[in-house]
């Protein structure tokens, strides 16, 4: 190990890491006491873990937050300028399957705010994470608008011809899918299957409790 690193980052992401391994890492995460210097960003396609410190500190954070799952050995580790540049690219959607994906920036912004509220990040390290949000926003403003600039838009176009559609979840990505479906020339009937149905504020959708997920998967032509 090269000593003296100020920032260390571990990436567990598509396509290098397959879905089953990413899922194993996500499932293993546990809640630990915040230390003010660990930022974790998770989506369905990636987990990013950044710490203010060297590789030993990064490995310690991985063990604390994710236990000893063997998949942790397959992460891509970056340091200092390379780590910061990668985090900026992630926030801007430049590491997403669809370049510039807007939903990723929204998810990143929410993760940064939550991490600060919970004491996971603080001080100069918190400002570094906030700068990634700013860079992501500026990058998005520079990119040309496109009807295909998000996975949500592409998903809506692929399944929009179905006679009814179920959307699992009510977070940033699920909400974006619903809005993309509703923006189609002939929007299909939409059912949102959510863990907290009372918190779903989307208009013109039916809402099911998450315990009906199996029913949705069995009955809907597109989920």
Foldseek 3Di string as FASTA:
>chain_A
DDADFQKKKWKQFPPQHDQVLLVLQVVQFDDDQADQFWAWADDSGMIMIMGGHDPVVSVVVSCNGRNPPPSSVVIDMDTDPVSLVVLLLQLLQCPPPQRRAPLSVVSLVVSLVVCVVRSNHDDPNSVSSVVSSVSSVVSSVPDDDDCPRHPLSVLLVVCLVFQEEEQEEQDSSSVSNQVNLVPDPDRHAYEYAYCCQVPRPDPRHHYHHNVCVVVRVVPGPYD
